[in-house]
Amino acid sequence: MRKSNDYILKLRPWSAPTFLAALLVVAFAAAMQGVFATLGVQLYFATFAPAILIAGLLGGAPAGAFATLITVPIVWWAFMPPYFEFAWPTASDYDSISTFLLSSVLIVSFSQLYREALVILRR
């Protein structure tokens, strides 16, 4: 009988499926952010924080870091004005990016600790 949390440890860190899963989660978050942006909501990184958590839980720290690294240029290019071009961020944009990076480091760290705790509990 399989435990209910075995699916979290199914993907191995540094494997191609892990990075593909992280890419798919970020793509879904970008699509959701696009929906919110069309509704007039401008929370640049709101949908990406759960995506970082999911990527970190599924693939560990490498997948979470990869998801974080691809999120910043996507948000900067597609969701920060001027849209669909790279321009120098304003001071508030720098604040948003740095807050997101700090929270992503914490999310990835905690998701990696959770994965390690599951390995220990499995023994």
Protein backbone atom coordinates (compact mmCIF):
# COMPACT_ATOMS: atom_id res chain seq x y z
CA MET A 1 0.00 0.00 0.00
CA ARG A 2 1.37 3.40 -1.00
CA LYS A 3 1.40 6.31 1.38
CA SER A 4 -0.53 9.41 0.39
CA ASN A 5 2.60 11.60 0.21
CA ASP A 6 4.69 9.30 -2.01
CA TYR A 7 3.84 11.36 -5.09
CA ILE A 8 5.89 14.25 -3.69
CA LEU A 9 9.05 12.16 -3.75
CA LYS A 10 8.34 10.56 -7.12
CA LEU A 11 10.36 13.09 -9.15
CA ARG A 12 14.09 13.09 -8.56
CA PRO A 13 15.98 16.40 -8.31
CA TRP A 14 18.13 17.35 -11.31
CA SER A 15 16.14 15.16 -13.71
CA ALA A 16 14.54 16.38 -16.93
CA PRO A 17 10.97 15.58 -15.80
CA THR A 18 11.55 17.68 -12.69
CA PHE A 19 12.48 20.75 -14.72
CA LEU A 20 9.64 20.09 -17.15
CA ALA A 21 7.19 19.97 -14.25
CA ALA A 22 8.58 23.26 -12.92
CA LEU A 23 8.22 24.82 -16.38
CA LEU A 24 4.62 23.62 -16.68
CA VAL A 25 3.71 24.96 -13.24
CA VAL A 26 5.22 28.36 -14.09
CA ALA A 27 3.41 28.37 -17.45
CA PHE A 28 0.11 27.70 -15.68
CA ALA A 29 0.85 30.49 -13.18
CA ALA A 30 1.62 32.85 -16.08
CA ALA A 31 -1.68 31.96 -17.71
CA MET A 32 -3.52 32.64 -14.47
CA GLN A 33 -1.66 35.92 -14.05
CA GLY A 34 -2.70 36.82 -17.60
CA VAL A 35 -6.32 36.18 -16.69
CA PHE A 36 -5.99 38.37 -13.61
CA ALA A 37 -4.23 41.10 -15.62
CA THR A 38 -7.10 41.21 -18.12
CA LEU A 39 -9.44 41.71 -15.18
CA GLY A 40 -7.35 44.69 -14.07
CA VAL A 41 -5.62 43.10 -11.09
CA GLN A 42 -1.91 44.01 -11.00
CA LEU A 43 -0.37 41.65 -8.49
CA TYR A 44 2.78 40.83 -10.41
CA PHE A 45 3.99 37.76 -8.54
CA ALA A 46 0.80 36.62 -6.80
CA THR A 47 0.17 33.50 -8.86
CA PHE A 48 3.83 32.56 -9.03
CA ALA A 49 4.41 32.02 -5.28
CA PRO A 50 2.21 28.88 -5.21
CA ALA A 51 3.91 27.73 -8.42
CA ILE A 52 7.30 28.00 -6.73
CA LEU A 53 5.97 25.99 -3.79
CA ILE A 54 4.57 23.26 -6.03
CA ALA A 55 7.79 23.08 -8.07
CA GLY A 56 9.85 22.92 -4.89
CA LEU A 57 7.71 20.17 -3.39
CA LEU A 58 7.71 18.11 -6.56
CA GLY A 59 11.36 18.49 -7.54
CA GLY A 60 13.23 19.86 -4.58
CA ALA A 61 15.46 22.90 -4.44
CA PRO A 62 16.75 22.66 -8.05
CA ALA A 63 13.24 22.78 -9.50
CA GLY A 64 12.17 25.56 -7.14
CA ALA A 65 15.23 27.63 -8.01
CA PHE A 66 14.67 27.01 -11.72
CA ALA A 67 11.04 28.10 -11.42
CA THR A 68 12.13 31.24 -9.56
CA LEU A 69 14.77 32.10 -12.15
CA ILE A 70 12.38 31.81 -15.08
CA THR A 71 9.58 33.65 -13.27
CA VAL A 72 11.42 36.96 -12.86
CA PRO A 73 12.03 37.60 -16.59
CA ILE A 74 8.52 36.42 -17.49
CA VAL A 75 6.90 38.85 -15.06
CA TRP A 76 9.29 41.65 -16.00
CA TRP A 77 8.59 41.18 -19.71
CA ALA A 78 4.88 40.34 -19.78
CA PHE A 79 3.25 41.87 -16.72
CA MET A 80 5.22 44.99 -15.76
CA PRO A 81 4.63 48.12 -17.82
CA PRO A 82 5.61 48.67 -20.59
CA TYR A 83 4.13 45.30 -21.49
CA PHE A 84 6.01 42.81 -23.69
CA GLU A 85 9.28 44.69 -23.67
CA PHE A 86 12.18 44.94 -21.28
CA ALA A 87 12.54 48.42 -19.77
CA TRP A 88 14.36 49.57 -16.68
CA PRO A 89 12.24 48.71 -13.66
CA THR A 90 11.03 51.48 -11.41
CA ALA A 91 11.83 51.58 -7.71
CA SER A 92 8.56 49.86 -6.84
CA ASP A 93 9.30 47.18 -9.44
CA TYR A 94 12.68 46.56 -7.82
CA ASP A 95 10.91 46.25 -4.48
CA SER A 96 8.44 43.74 -5.94
CA ILE A 97 11.21 41.69 -7.52
CA SER A 98 13.38 41.65 -4.41
CA THR A 99 10.43 40.75 -2.17
CA PHE A 100 9.53 37.92 -4.53
CA LEU A 101 13.11 36.65 -4.60
CA LEU A 102 13.34 36.70 -0.81
CA SER A 103 10.02 34.91 -0.37
CA SER A 104 10.98 32.39 -3.08
CA VAL A 105 14.23 31.55 -1.28
CA LEU A 106 12.22 30.87 1.87
CA ILE A 107 9.59 28.83 0.00
CA VAL A 108 12.23 26.72 -1.77
CA SER A 109 14.14 26.19 1.48
CA PHE A 110 11.06 25.05 3.36
CA SER A 111 9.92 22.79 0.53
CA GLN A 112 13.37 21.16 0.45
CA LEU A 113 13.25 20.66 4.22
CA TYR A 114 9.81 19.10 3.86
CA ARG A 115 11.09 16.69 1.21
CA GLU A 116 14.03 15.74 3.45
CA ALA A 117 11.69 15.18 6.39
CA LEU A 118 9.54 12.88 4.24
CA VAL A 119 12.60 10.83 3.34
CA ILE A 120 13.52 10.49 7.01
CA LEU A 121 9.96 9.52 7.97
CA ARG A 122 9.81 6.95 5.18
CA ARG A 123 12.66 4.92 6.71
